[in-house]
Amino acid sequence: MQPLIQKYIPKTTREIIGQDDTLKKLKNFIINFKKEKKNSALIYGTSGTGKTSSAYAIANELGYEVIEVNASEFRNAEQINLKVGNAIKQQSLFAKGKIILVDEIDGLSGHEDRGGIQAITKLIEGSTYPIILTATNPFDNKFSSLRSKSSLIEFKQLDYLSIFKILKKICEHEKIKFEEDVLKSLSRRSGGDARASINDLQT
């Protein structure tokens, strides 16, 4: 059985609940980034608020290709320059445009970093494509250079009623019998993490 979390990944921004203003800001950044003074958006918020899925949903609506890199897998400048640098240089063959998504920059941490943050900062300056960085906490001192080069966009923690709407919609699509009180209880326990609540529902 396909995990519900994969089956119900939002394909459009209309399917993302509870982040309307944030989605407008992110979409405007992507569309107008060449007019902006900053080539990257640093989107941040707690887990399960829709950061990564929003980037994909907007790209899908615009007909853009997404090149995703998980920052936690790259521990030094050389690896980042190779992966992200190549993504920036390559033309998008089948899409109208391209978004470079550097996910979970929190993974670039402390002594293991070895110039990774500096490498990303330099790549941002020369990028001809919009770069989206995701983080849980972007206000750590180590990210000061990235913050200065990026537009900061906050994904707010979801309230339990937003999560309830997501779970209810899944239950209706899957023809799962449910009691609203039980779903609301499940939603409250998630701590604002939609992904965790969907996994709890499947369990």
N, C-alpha and C. Protein backbone atom coordinates (compact mmCIF):
# COMPACT_ATOMS: atom_id res chain seq x y z
N MET A 1 0.84 -1.20 0.00
CA MET A 1 0.00 0.00 0.00
C MET A 1 0.88 1.26 0.00
N GLN A 2 0.56 2.18 -0.90
CA GLN A 2 1.34 3.43 -0.99
C GLN A 2 1.12 4.26 0.27
N PRO A 3 2.20 4.78 0.87
CA PRO A 3 2.02 5.64 2.04
C PRO A 3 1.14 6.84 1.71
N LEU A 4 0.21 7.16 2.60
CA LEU A 4 -0.70 8.29 2.37
C LEU A 4 0.07 9.59 2.21
N ILE A 5 1.18 9.71 2.90
CA ILE A 5 1.97 10.94 2.85
C ILE A 5 2.49 11.20 1.43
N GLN A 6 2.74 10.12 0.68
CA GLN A 6 3.17 10.25 -0.72
C GLN A 6 1.97 10.43 -1.65
N LYS A 7 0.93 9.69 -1.37
CA LYS A 7 -0.26 9.72 -2.24
C LYS A 7 -0.92 11.10 -2.24
N TYR A 8 -0.85 11.78 -1.11
CA TYR A 8 -1.55 13.07 -0.98
C TYR A 8 -0.61 14.27 -0.92
N ILE A 9 0.57 14.15 -1.53
CA ILE A 9 1.43 15.32 -1.68
C ILE A 9 0.68 16.34 -2.56
N PRO A 10 0.57 17.59 -2.11
CA PRO A 10 -0.17 18.58 -2.90
C PRO A 10 0.44 18.78 -4.28
N LYS A 11 -0.42 18.81 -5.30
CA LYS A 11 0.04 19.05 -6.67
C LYS A 11 -0.10 20.52 -7.05
N THR A 12 -1.00 21.22 -6.38
CA THR A 12 -1.21 22.65 -6.64
C THR A 12 -1.30 23.39 -5.31
N THR A 13 -1.18 24.72 -5.37
CA THR A 13 -1.24 25.51 -4.14
C THR A 13 -2.64 25.47 -3.53
N ARG A 14 -3.66 25.20 -4.34
CA ARG A 14 -5.03 25.10 -3.79
C ARG A 14 -5.16 23.94 -2.81
N GLU A 15 -4.31 22.96 -2.96
CA GLU A 15 -4.38 21.78 -2.09
C GLU A 15 -3.61 21.98 -0.78
N ILE A 16 -2.91 23.10 -0.66
CA ILE A 16 -2.14 23.37 0.57
C ILE A 16 -3.00 24.23 1.50
N ILE A 17 -3.19 23.74 2.70
CA ILE A 17 -4.10 24.39 3.65
C ILE A 17 -3.33 25.19 4.69
N GLY A 18 -3.82 26.39 4.97
CA GLY A 18 -3.31 27.16 6.10
C GLY A 18 -2.12 28.06 5.82
N GLN A 19 -1.71 28.20 4.54
CA GLN A 19 -0.52 29.01 4.24
C GLN A 19 -0.76 29.97 3.07
N ASP A 20 -1.98 30.50 2.95
CA ASP A 20 -2.34 31.28 1.76
C ASP A 20 -1.41 32.46 1.52
N ASP A 21 -1.20 33.31 2.53
CA ASP A 21 -0.35 34.50 2.35
C ASP A 21 1.10 34.11 2.05
N THR A 22 1.55 33.08 2.73
CA THR A 22 2.93 32.61 2.54
C THR A 22 3.14 32.11 1.12
N LEU A 23 2.17 31.38 0.59
CA LEU A 23 2.26 30.87 -0.77
C LEU A 23 2.32 32.01 -1.80
N LYS A 24 1.54 33.06 -1.56
CA LYS A 24 1.57 34.22 -2.46
C LYS A 24 2.96 34.85 -2.48
N LYS A 25 3.56 35.00 -1.29
CA LYS A 25 4.90 35.59 -1.20
C LYS A 25 5.92 34.75 -1.94
N LEU A 26 5.84 33.43 -1.74
CA LEU A 26 6.82 32.54 -2.37
C LEU A 26 6.64 32.52 -3.89
N LYS A 27 5.39 32.48 -4.34
CA LYS A 27 5.13 32.46 -5.78
C LYS A 27 5.59 33.76 -6.43
N ASN A 28 5.33 34.88 -5.76
CA ASN A 28 5.77 36.19 -6.28
C ASN A 28 7.29 36.26 -6.38
N PHE A 29 7.96 35.69 -5.36
CA PHE A 29 9.42 35.68 -5.41
C PHE A 29 9.91 34.91 -6.63
N ILE A 30 9.34 33.72 -6.86
CA ILE A 30 9.79 32.87 -7.97
C ILE A 30 9.53 33.55 -9.32
N ILE A 31 8.35 34.14 -9.47
CA ILE A 31 7.99 34.78 -10.74
C ILE A 31 8.85 36.02 -11.00
N ASN A 32 9.11 36.79 -9.95
CA ASN A 32 9.75 38.10 -10.11
C ASN A 32 11.21 38.13 -9.66
N PHE A 33 11.83 36.97 -9.47
CA PHE A 33 13.13 36.97 -8.81
C PHE A 33 14.20 37.75 -9.57
N LYS A 34 14.07 37.84 -10.89
CA LYS A 34 15.07 38.58 -11.68
C LYS A 34 15.00 40.09 -11.41
N LYS A 35 13.85 40.53 -10.94
CA LYS A 35 13.70 41.96 -10.60
C LYS A 35 14.11 42.21 -9.15
N GLU A 36 14.21 41.13 -8.38
CA GLU A 36 14.55 41.27 -6.96
C GLU A 36 16.05 41.50 -6.81
N LYS A 37 16.42 42.03 -5.65
CA LYS A 37 17.84 42.21 -5.35
C LYS A 37 18.45 40.91 -4.82
N LYS A 38 17.58 39.95 -4.50
CA LYS A 38 18.05 38.69 -3.91
C LYS A 38 17.63 37.52 -4.77
N ASN A 39 18.56 36.60 -5.00
CA ASN A 39 18.31 35.45 -5.88
C ASN A 39 17.74 34.24 -5.14
N SER A 40 17.65 34.33 -3.81
CA SER A 40 17.17 33.16 -3.06
C SER A 40 16.11 33.56 -2.05
N ALA A 41 15.24 32.59 -1.77
CA ALA A 41 14.26 32.73 -0.70
C ALA A 41 14.60 31.70 0.36
N LEU A 42 14.69 32.15 1.60
CA LEU A 42 14.93 31.25 2.72
C LEU A 42 13.59 31.04 3.40
N ILE A 43 13.00 29.87 3.16
CA ILE A 43 11.68 29.59 3.74
C ILE A 43 11.87 28.74 4.98
N TYR A 44 11.18 29.11 6.04
CA TYR A 44 11.45 28.46 7.32
C TYR A 44 10.17 28.22 8.11
N GLY A 45 10.25 27.27 9.01
CA GLY A 45 9.12 26.91 9.87
C GLY A 45 9.32 25.51 10.40
N THR A 46 8.48 25.13 11.33
CA THR A 46 8.61 23.81 11.94
C THR A 46 8.29 22.70 10.94
N SER A 47 8.61 21.48 11.29
CA SER A 47 8.37 20.33 10.40
C SER A 47 6.89 20.18 10.09
N GLY A 48 6.61 19.76 8.85
CA GLY A 48 5.24 19.45 8.46
C GLY A 48 4.36 20.64 8.19
N THR A 49 4.95 21.81 7.91
CA THR A 49 4.14 23.00 7.61
C THR A 49 3.96 23.21 6.10
N GLY A 50 4.65 22.40 5.30
CA GLY A 50 4.44 22.46 3.84
C GLY A 50 5.50 23.20 3.06
N LYS A 51 6.69 23.35 3.62
CA LYS A 51 7.74 24.13 2.94
C LYS A 51 8.14 23.49 1.61
N THR A 52 8.59 22.25 1.66
CA THR A 52 9.08 21.59 0.44
C THR A 52 7.95 21.34 -0.54
N SER A 53 6.80 20.86 -0.05
CA SER A 53 5.68 20.56 -0.96
C SER A 53 5.15 21.83 -1.62
N SER A 54 5.26 22.98 -0.94
CA SER A 54 4.82 24.25 -1.55
C SER A 54 5.71 24.63 -2.72
N ALA A 55 7.01 24.43 -2.57
CA ALA A 55 7.93 24.72 -3.67
C ALA A 55 7.58 23.88 -4.90
N TYR A 56 7.30 22.60 -4.69
CA TYR A 56 6.93 21.71 -5.80
C TYR A 56 5.58 22.09 -6.40
N ALA A 57 4.62 22.44 -5.55
CA ALA A 57 3.28 22.79 -6.05
C ALA A 57 3.33 24.05 -6.91
N ILE A 58 4.09 25.05 -6.47
CA ILE A 58 4.23 26.29 -7.24
C ILE A 58 4.95 26.01 -8.56
N ALA A 59 6.01 25.21 -8.50
CA ALA A 59 6.74 24.85 -9.71
C ALA A 59 5.83 24.13 -10.70
N ASN A 60 4.99 23.25 -10.20
CA ASN A 60 4.05 22.51 -11.04
C ASN A 60 3.08 23.45 -11.74
N GLU A 61 2.59 24.45 -11.01
CA GLU A 61 1.66 25.42 -11.59
C GLU A 61 2.33 26.29 -12.65
N LEU A 62 3.60 26.60 -12.44
CA LEU A 62 4.32 27.48 -13.37
C LEU A 62 4.97 26.72 -14.53
N GLY A 63 4.95 25.39 -14.45
CA GLY A 63 5.62 24.58 -15.48
C GLY A 63 7.13 24.59 -15.33
N TYR A 64 7.61 24.73 -14.11
CA TYR A 64 9.04 24.77 -13.82
C TYR A 64 9.55 23.39 -13.38
N GLU A 65 10.81 23.16 -13.67
CA GLU A 65 11.51 21.97 -13.18
C GLU A 65 12.10 22.28 -11.80
N VAL A 66 12.10 21.27 -10.92
CA VAL A 66 12.72 21.44 -9.61
C VAL A 66 13.95 20.54 -9.52
N ILE A 67 15.08 21.14 -9.20
CA ILE A 67 16.29 20.37 -8.90
C ILE A 67 16.48 20.43 -7.39
N GLU A 68 16.28 19.30 -6.73
CA GLU A 68 16.33 19.27 -5.26
C GLU A 68 17.65 18.69 -4.76
N VAL A 69 18.23 19.38 -3.81
CA VAL A 69 19.44 18.93 -3.14
C VAL A 69 19.15 18.95 -1.64
N ASN A 70 19.45 17.86 -0.96
CA ASN A 70 19.30 17.86 0.50
C ASN A 70 20.63 18.26 1.12
N ALA A 71 20.64 19.42 1.76
CA ALA A 71 21.89 19.99 2.27
C ALA A 71 22.56 19.09 3.29
N SER A 72 21.78 18.30 4.02
CA SER A 72 22.37 17.45 5.06
C SER A 72 23.25 16.36 4.48
N GLU A 73 23.13 16.10 3.15
CA GLU A 73 23.95 15.08 2.51
C GLU A 73 25.29 15.63 2.00
N PHE A 74 25.45 16.96 2.08
CA PHE A 74 26.65 17.58 1.54
C PHE A 74 27.37 18.32 2.65
N ARG A 75 28.55 17.86 3.00
CA ARG A 75 29.22 18.36 4.19
C ARG A 75 30.34 19.36 3.90
N ASN A 76 30.65 19.60 2.63
CA ASN A 76 31.74 20.55 2.38
C ASN A 76 31.48 21.34 1.10
N ALA A 77 32.31 22.35 0.91
CA ALA A 77 32.13 23.27 -0.22
C ALA A 77 32.25 22.57 -1.56
N GLU A 78 33.19 21.65 -1.67
CA GLU A 78 33.42 20.95 -2.95
C GLU A 78 32.17 20.20 -3.40
N GLN A 79 31.55 19.47 -2.47
CA GLN A 79 30.35 18.70 -2.82
C GLN A 79 29.20 19.62 -3.22
N ILE A 80 29.05 20.73 -2.50
CA ILE A 80 27.96 21.67 -2.80
C ILE A 80 28.18 22.34 -4.14
N ASN A 81 29.41 22.77 -4.40
CA ASN A 81 29.72 23.41 -5.69
C ASN A 81 29.46 22.46 -6.85
N LEU A 82 29.77 21.19 -6.65
CA LEU A 82 29.57 20.19 -7.70
C LEU A 82 28.09 19.99 -8.00
N LYS A 83 27.30 19.75 -6.96
CA LYS A 83 25.88 19.44 -7.15
C LYS A 83 25.05 20.67 -7.48
N VAL A 84 25.12 21.69 -6.62
CA VAL A 84 24.29 22.89 -6.84
C VAL A 84 24.83 23.70 -8.01
N GLY A 85 26.17 23.82 -8.10
CA GLY A 85 26.78 24.56 -9.21
C GLY A 85 26.38 23.99 -10.56
N ASN A 86 26.41 22.67 -10.69
CA ASN A 86 26.02 22.04 -11.96
C ASN A 86 24.55 22.28 -12.27
N ALA A 87 23.71 22.23 -11.24
CA ALA A 87 22.27 22.45 -11.43
C ALA A 87 22.00 23.86 -11.95
N ILE A 88 22.77 24.83 -11.45
CA ILE A 88 22.61 26.22 -11.88
C ILE A 88 23.07 26.40 -13.34
N LYS A 89 24.15 25.72 -13.72
CA LYS A 89 24.71 25.89 -15.07
C LYS A 89 23.86 25.24 -16.15
N GLN A 90 23.17 24.14 -15.83
CA GLN A 90 22.44 23.40 -16.85
C GLN A 90 21.15 24.11 -17.25
N GLN A 91 20.90 24.15 -18.54
CA GLN A 91 19.65 24.70 -19.04
C GLN A 91 18.53 23.71 -18.80
N SER A 92 17.32 24.21 -18.57
CA SER A 92 16.16 23.34 -18.42
C SER A 92 15.62 23.01 -19.82
N LEU A 93 15.65 21.73 -20.17
CA LEU A 93 15.32 21.33 -21.54
C LEU A 93 13.83 21.27 -21.81
N PHE A 94 13.06 20.79 -20.83
CA PHE A 94 11.64 20.51 -21.10
C PHE A 94 10.68 21.40 -20.31
N ALA A 95 11.21 22.28 -19.48
CA ALA A 95 10.35 23.13 -18.65
C ALA A 95 10.55 24.60 -19.00
N LYS A 96 9.60 25.43 -18.57
CA LYS A 96 9.68 26.87 -18.82
C LYS A 96 10.83 27.51 -18.05
N GLY A 97 11.10 26.94 -16.89
CA GLY A 97 12.15 27.48 -16.04
C GLY A 97 12.59 26.44 -15.03
N LYS A 98 13.36 26.89 -14.07
CA LYS A 98 13.91 25.94 -13.11
C LYS A 98 14.02 26.58 -11.73
N ILE A 99 13.79 25.77 -10.71
CA ILE A 99 13.97 26.18 -9.32
C ILE A 99 15.02 25.26 -8.70
N ILE A 100 16.00 25.84 -8.04
CA ILE A 100 16.98 25.05 -7.30
C ILE A 100 16.51 25.01 -5.85
N LEU A 101 16.18 23.83 -5.36
CA LEU A 101 15.67 23.67 -3.99
C LEU A 101 16.75 23.03 -3.13
N VAL A 102 17.27 23.79 -2.18
CA VAL A 102 18.27 23.26 -1.24
C VAL A 102 17.55 23.02 0.07
N ASP A 103 17.22 21.76 0.33
CA ASP A 103 16.37 21.39 1.45
C ASP A 103 17.19 21.16 2.72
N GLU A 104 16.59 21.56 3.84
CA GLU A 104 17.15 21.26 5.17
C GLU A 104 18.57 21.80 5.36
N ILE A 105 18.73 23.10 5.19
CA ILE A 105 20.07 23.68 5.38
C ILE A 105 20.52 23.60 6.84
N ASP A 106 19.57 23.29 7.74
CA ASP A 106 19.96 23.06 9.14
C ASP A 106 21.01 21.96 9.23
N GLY A 107 21.01 21.07 8.21
CA GLY A 107 21.97 19.97 8.19
C GLY A 107 23.41 20.42 8.02
N LEU A 108 23.60 21.66 7.54
CA LEU A 108 24.95 22.21 7.44
C LEU A 108 25.31 22.78 8.81
N SER A 109 25.97 21.96 9.60
CA SER A 109 26.13 22.39 10.99
C SER A 109 27.57 22.30 11.48
N GLY A 110 27.92 23.27 12.30
CA GLY A 110 29.14 23.24 13.09
C GLY A 110 30.40 22.89 12.32
N HIS A 111 31.23 22.05 12.93
CA HIS A 111 32.56 21.75 12.41
C HIS A 111 32.51 20.88 11.15
N GLU A 112 31.38 20.19 10.94
CA GLU A 112 31.29 19.31 9.76
C GLU A 112 31.08 20.12 8.48
N ASP A 113 30.71 21.38 8.62
CA ASP A 113 30.30 22.19 7.47
C ASP A 113 31.42 22.36 6.44
N ARG A 114 32.61 22.77 6.88
CA ARG A 114 33.77 22.93 5.99
C ARG A 114 33.49 23.82 4.79
N GLY A 115 32.91 24.95 5.05
CA GLY A 115 32.71 25.93 3.99
C GLY A 115 31.44 25.77 3.20
N GLY A 116 30.56 24.86 3.61
CA GLY A 116 29.32 24.62 2.86
C GLY A 116 28.42 25.83 2.78
N ILE A 117 28.26 26.53 3.90
CA ILE A 117 27.38 27.71 3.92
C ILE A 117 27.96 28.81 3.04
N GLN A 118 29.27 29.01 3.11
CA GLN A 118 29.91 30.02 2.27
C GLN A 118 29.78 29.69 0.79
N ALA A 119 29.86 28.39 0.48
CA ALA A 119 29.74 27.95 -0.92
C ALA A 119 28.34 28.25 -1.45
N ILE A 120 27.31 27.95 -0.65
CA ILE A 120 25.94 28.22 -1.08
C ILE A 120 25.73 29.73 -1.26
N THR A 121 26.27 30.51 -0.32
CA THR A 121 26.13 31.97 -0.41
C THR A 121 26.72 32.50 -1.71
N LYS A 122 27.87 31.99 -2.09
CA LYS A 122 28.52 32.43 -3.34
C LYS A 122 27.73 31.99 -4.57
N LEU A 123 27.19 30.77 -4.54
CA LEU A 123 26.40 30.28 -5.66
C LEU A 123 25.13 31.10 -5.84
N ILE A 124 24.54 31.54 -4.73
CA ILE A 124 23.33 32.38 -4.80
C ILE A 124 23.62 33.66 -5.58
N GLU A 125 24.75 34.26 -5.31
CA GLU A 125 25.10 35.55 -5.94
C GLU A 125 25.14 35.45 -7.47
N GLY A 126 25.59 34.30 -7.99
CA GLY A 126 25.74 34.17 -9.44
C GLY A 126 24.65 33.38 -10.13
N SER A 127 23.58 33.01 -9.40
CA SER A 127 22.56 32.14 -9.97
C SER A 127 21.65 32.87 -10.95
N THR A 128 21.36 32.20 -12.06
CA THR A 128 20.40 32.74 -13.03
C THR A 128 19.01 32.13 -12.81
N TYR A 129 18.88 31.27 -11.81
CA TYR A 129 17.60 30.66 -11.45
C TYR A 129 17.28 30.98 -9.99
N PRO A 130 15.98 31.02 -9.63
CA PRO A 130 15.65 31.23 -8.22
C PRO A 130 16.08 30.04 -7.38
N ILE A 131 16.66 30.32 -6.23
CA ILE A 131 17.08 29.27 -5.30
C ILE A 131 16.19 29.36 -4.07
N ILE A 132 15.65 28.22 -3.66
CA ILE A 132 14.85 28.16 -2.44
C ILE A 132 15.59 27.31 -1.42
N LEU A 133 15.82 27.88 -0.26
CA LEU A 133 16.46 27.19 0.85
C LEU A 133 15.40 26.91 1.91
N THR A 134 15.38 25.72 2.49
CA THR A 134 14.44 25.45 3.58
C THR A 134 15.20 25.22 4.88
N ALA A 135 14.59 25.70 5.96
CA ALA A 135 15.21 25.55 7.28
C ALA A 135 14.14 25.50 8.35
N THR A 136 14.48 24.86 9.45
CA THR A 136 13.61 24.89 10.62
C THR A 136 13.88 26.16 11.42
N ASN A 137 15.16 26.43 11.66
CA ASN A 137 15.57 27.63 12.41
C ASN A 137 16.66 28.37 11.64
N PRO A 138 16.30 29.44 10.90
CA PRO A 138 17.30 30.15 10.10
C PRO A 138 18.05 31.24 10.87
N PHE A 139 17.72 31.40 12.16
CA PHE A 139 18.26 32.53 12.92
C PHE A 139 19.52 32.18 13.70
N ASP A 140 20.04 30.98 13.48
CA ASP A 140 21.34 30.63 14.04
C ASP A 140 22.39 31.55 13.42
N ASN A 141 23.38 31.95 14.22
CA ASN A 141 24.42 32.88 13.74
C ASN A 141 25.13 32.38 12.49
N LYS A 142 25.25 31.05 12.37
CA LYS A 142 26.00 30.50 11.22
C LYS A 142 25.31 30.81 9.89
N PHE A 143 24.01 31.16 9.93
CA PHE A 143 23.28 31.44 8.70
C PHE A 143 23.19 32.94 8.38
N SER A 144 23.96 33.76 9.07
CA SER A 144 23.85 35.22 8.88
C SER A 144 24.11 35.64 7.44
N SER A 145 25.10 35.02 6.78
CA SER A 145 25.41 35.39 5.39
C SER A 145 24.27 34.97 4.45
N LEU A 146 23.66 33.81 4.70
CA LEU A 146 22.53 33.36 3.87
C LEU A 146 21.32 34.25 4.08
N ARG A 147 21.08 34.66 5.32
CA ARG A 147 19.94 35.54 5.59
C ARG A 147 20.08 36.87 4.85
N SER A 148 21.30 37.39 4.81
CA SER A 148 21.51 38.70 4.17
C SER A 148 21.32 38.62 2.65
N LYS A 149 21.48 37.44 2.07
CA LYS A 149 21.35 37.27 0.62
C LYS A 149 19.96 36.80 0.21
N SER A 150 19.10 36.51 1.19
CA SER A 150 17.83 35.84 0.89
C SER A 150 16.62 36.64 1.36
N SER A 151 15.50 36.43 0.68
CA SER A 151 14.21 36.91 1.16
C SER A 151 13.69 35.88 2.16
N LEU A 152 13.39 36.30 3.38
CA LEU A 152 12.91 35.38 4.40
C LEU A 152 11.39 35.25 4.33
N ILE A 153 10.93 34.02 4.24
CA ILE A 153 9.48 33.76 4.17
C ILE A 153 9.14 32.69 5.21
N GLU A 154 8.26 33.06 6.15
CA GLU A 154 7.92 32.14 7.24
C GLU A 154 6.70 31.30 6.91
N PHE A 155 6.81 29.99 7.14
CA PHE A 155 5.66 29.09 7.10
C PHE A 155 5.18 28.91 8.54
N LYS A 156 3.97 29.40 8.79
CA LYS A 156 3.45 29.37 10.16
C LYS A 156 3.04 27.96 10.56
N GLN A 157 3.15 27.70 11.85
CA GLN A 157 2.73 26.40 12.37
C GLN A 157 1.23 26.23 12.14
N LEU A 158 0.83 25.08 11.67
CA LEU A 158 -0.58 24.83 11.37
C LEU A 158 -1.38 24.64 12.65
N ASP A 159 -2.59 25.24 12.68
CA ASP A 159 -3.46 24.97 13.82
C ASP A 159 -4.15 23.62 13.62
N TYR A 160 -4.75 23.13 14.69
CA TYR A 160 -5.28 21.75 14.62
C TYR A 160 -6.45 21.65 13.65
N LEU A 161 -7.19 22.74 13.44
CA LEU A 161 -8.33 22.68 12.52
C LEU A 161 -7.86 22.56 11.06
N SER A 162 -6.72 23.18 10.74
CA SER A 162 -6.15 23.03 9.39
C SER A 162 -5.75 21.57 9.16
N ILE A 163 -5.12 20.99 10.17
CA ILE A 163 -4.71 19.59 10.06
C ILE A 163 -5.93 18.67 10.00
N PHE A 164 -6.95 19.00 10.77
CA PHE A 164 -8.21 18.24 10.73
C PHE A 164 -8.79 18.22 9.32
N LYS A 165 -8.77 19.38 8.63
CA LYS A 165 -9.29 19.45 7.25
C LYS A 165 -8.51 18.51 6.33
N ILE A 166 -7.19 18.46 6.51
CA ILE A 166 -6.35 17.59 5.68
C ILE A 166 -6.71 16.13 5.92
N LEU A 167 -6.81 15.75 7.20
CA LEU A 167 -7.12 14.35 7.55
C LEU A 167 -8.52 13.96 7.08
N LYS A 168 -9.46 14.88 7.24
CA LYS A 168 -10.85 14.60 6.83
C LYS A 168 -10.93 14.36 5.33
N LYS A 169 -10.22 15.19 4.57
CA LYS A 169 -10.22 15.05 3.11
C LYS A 169 -9.65 13.70 2.70
N ILE A 170 -8.56 13.28 3.35
CA ILE A 170 -7.95 11.98 3.04
C ILE A 170 -8.91 10.85 3.36
N CYS A 171 -9.56 10.92 4.52
CA CYS A 171 -10.50 9.87 4.92
C CYS A 171 -11.65 9.75 3.92
N GLU A 172 -12.14 10.90 3.46
CA GLU A 172 -13.25 10.88 2.49
C GLU A 172 -12.80 10.28 1.16
N HIS A 173 -11.59 10.63 0.71
CA HIS A 173 -11.07 10.08 -0.55
C HIS A 173 -10.82 8.58 -0.43
N GLU A 174 -10.34 8.14 0.73
CA GLU A 174 -9.99 6.74 0.93
C GLU A 174 -11.19 5.90 1.39
N LYS A 175 -12.34 6.58 1.56
CA LYS A 175 -13.55 5.92 2.07
C LYS A 175 -13.29 5.26 3.44
N ILE A 176 -12.58 5.97 4.28
CA ILE A 176 -12.31 5.53 5.65
C ILE A 176 -13.40 6.10 6.55
N LYS A 177 -14.07 5.25 7.30
CA LYS A 177 -15.08 5.73 8.24
C LYS A 177 -14.37 6.42 9.41
N PHE A 178 -14.90 7.55 9.83
CA PHE A 178 -14.24 8.28 10.91
C PHE A 178 -15.25 9.05 11.74
N GLU A 179 -14.86 9.34 12.96
CA GLU A 179 -15.61 10.25 13.81
C GLU A 179 -14.82 11.55 13.90
N GLU A 180 -15.50 12.67 13.73
CA GLU A 180 -14.82 13.96 13.69
C GLU A 180 -14.04 14.23 14.98
N ASP A 181 -14.60 13.82 16.12
CA ASP A 181 -13.92 14.06 17.40
C ASP A 181 -12.58 13.32 17.46
N VAL A 182 -12.56 12.12 16.90
CA VAL A 182 -11.33 11.32 16.91
C VAL A 182 -10.28 11.98 16.01
N LEU A 183 -10.72 12.44 14.82
CA LEU A 183 -9.78 13.11 13.91
C LEU A 183 -9.25 14.40 14.52
N LYS A 184 -10.13 15.13 15.22
CA LYS A 184 -9.69 16.38 15.86
C LYS A 184 -8.68 16.10 16.97
N SER A 185 -8.90 15.02 17.69
CA SER A 185 -7.96 14.63 18.74
C SER A 185 -6.60 14.28 18.14
N LEU A 186 -6.64 13.55 17.02
CA LEU A 186 -5.40 13.20 16.31
C LEU A 186 -4.69 14.46 15.82
N SER A 187 -5.47 15.41 15.35
CA SER A 187 -4.91 16.66 14.84
C SER A 187 -4.24 17.47 15.95
N ARG A 188 -4.86 17.49 17.12
CA ARG A 188 -4.29 18.25 18.25
C ARG A 188 -2.96 17.66 18.69
N ARG A 189 -2.85 16.34 18.61
CA ARG A 189 -1.65 15.65 19.11
C ARG A 189 -0.45 15.85 18.18
N SER A 190 -0.69 16.35 16.96
CA SER A 190 0.39 16.42 15.97
C SER A 190 1.38 17.55 16.22
N GLY A 191 1.02 18.50 17.07
CA GLY A 191 1.91 19.63 17.33
C GLY A 191 2.12 20.51 16.10
N GLY A 192 1.13 20.59 15.23
CA GLY A 192 1.23 21.43 14.04
C GLY A 192 1.95 20.79 12.87
N ASP A 193 2.26 19.50 12.96
CA ASP A 193 3.01 18.79 11.92
C ASP A 193 2.04 17.95 11.09
N ALA A 194 1.68 18.45 9.90
CA ALA A 194 0.71 17.75 9.05
C ALA A 194 1.24 16.39 8.60
N ARG A 195 2.53 16.34 8.28
CA ARG A 195 3.13 15.08 7.82
C ARG A 195 3.02 14.00 8.89
N ALA A 196 3.33 14.37 10.14
CA ALA A 196 3.26 13.42 11.25
C ALA A 196 1.83 12.95 11.47
N SER A 197 0.88 13.87 11.34
CA SER A 197 -0.52 13.50 11.59
C SER A 197 -1.04 12.54 10.52
N ILE A 198 -0.60 12.72 9.27
CA ILE A 198 -1.01 11.80 8.19
C ILE A 198 -0.42 10.41 8.45
N ASN A 199 0.84 10.38 8.88
CA ASN A 199 1.45 9.09 9.23
C ASN A 199 0.72 8.43 10.40
N ASP A 200 0.31 9.24 11.39
CA ASP A 200 -0.45 8.71 12.53
C ASP A 200 -1.78 8.13 12.05
N LEU A 201 -2.42 8.83 11.12
CA LEU A 201 -3.70 8.36 10.57
C LEU A 201 -3.53 7.01 9.91
N GLN A 202 -2.47 6.86 9.13
CA GLN A 202 -2.25 5.58 8.44
C GLN A 202 -1.94 4.47 9.44
N THR A 203 -1.21 4.80 10.48
CA THR A 203 -0.90 3.81 11.52
C THR A 203 -2.17 3.34 12.21
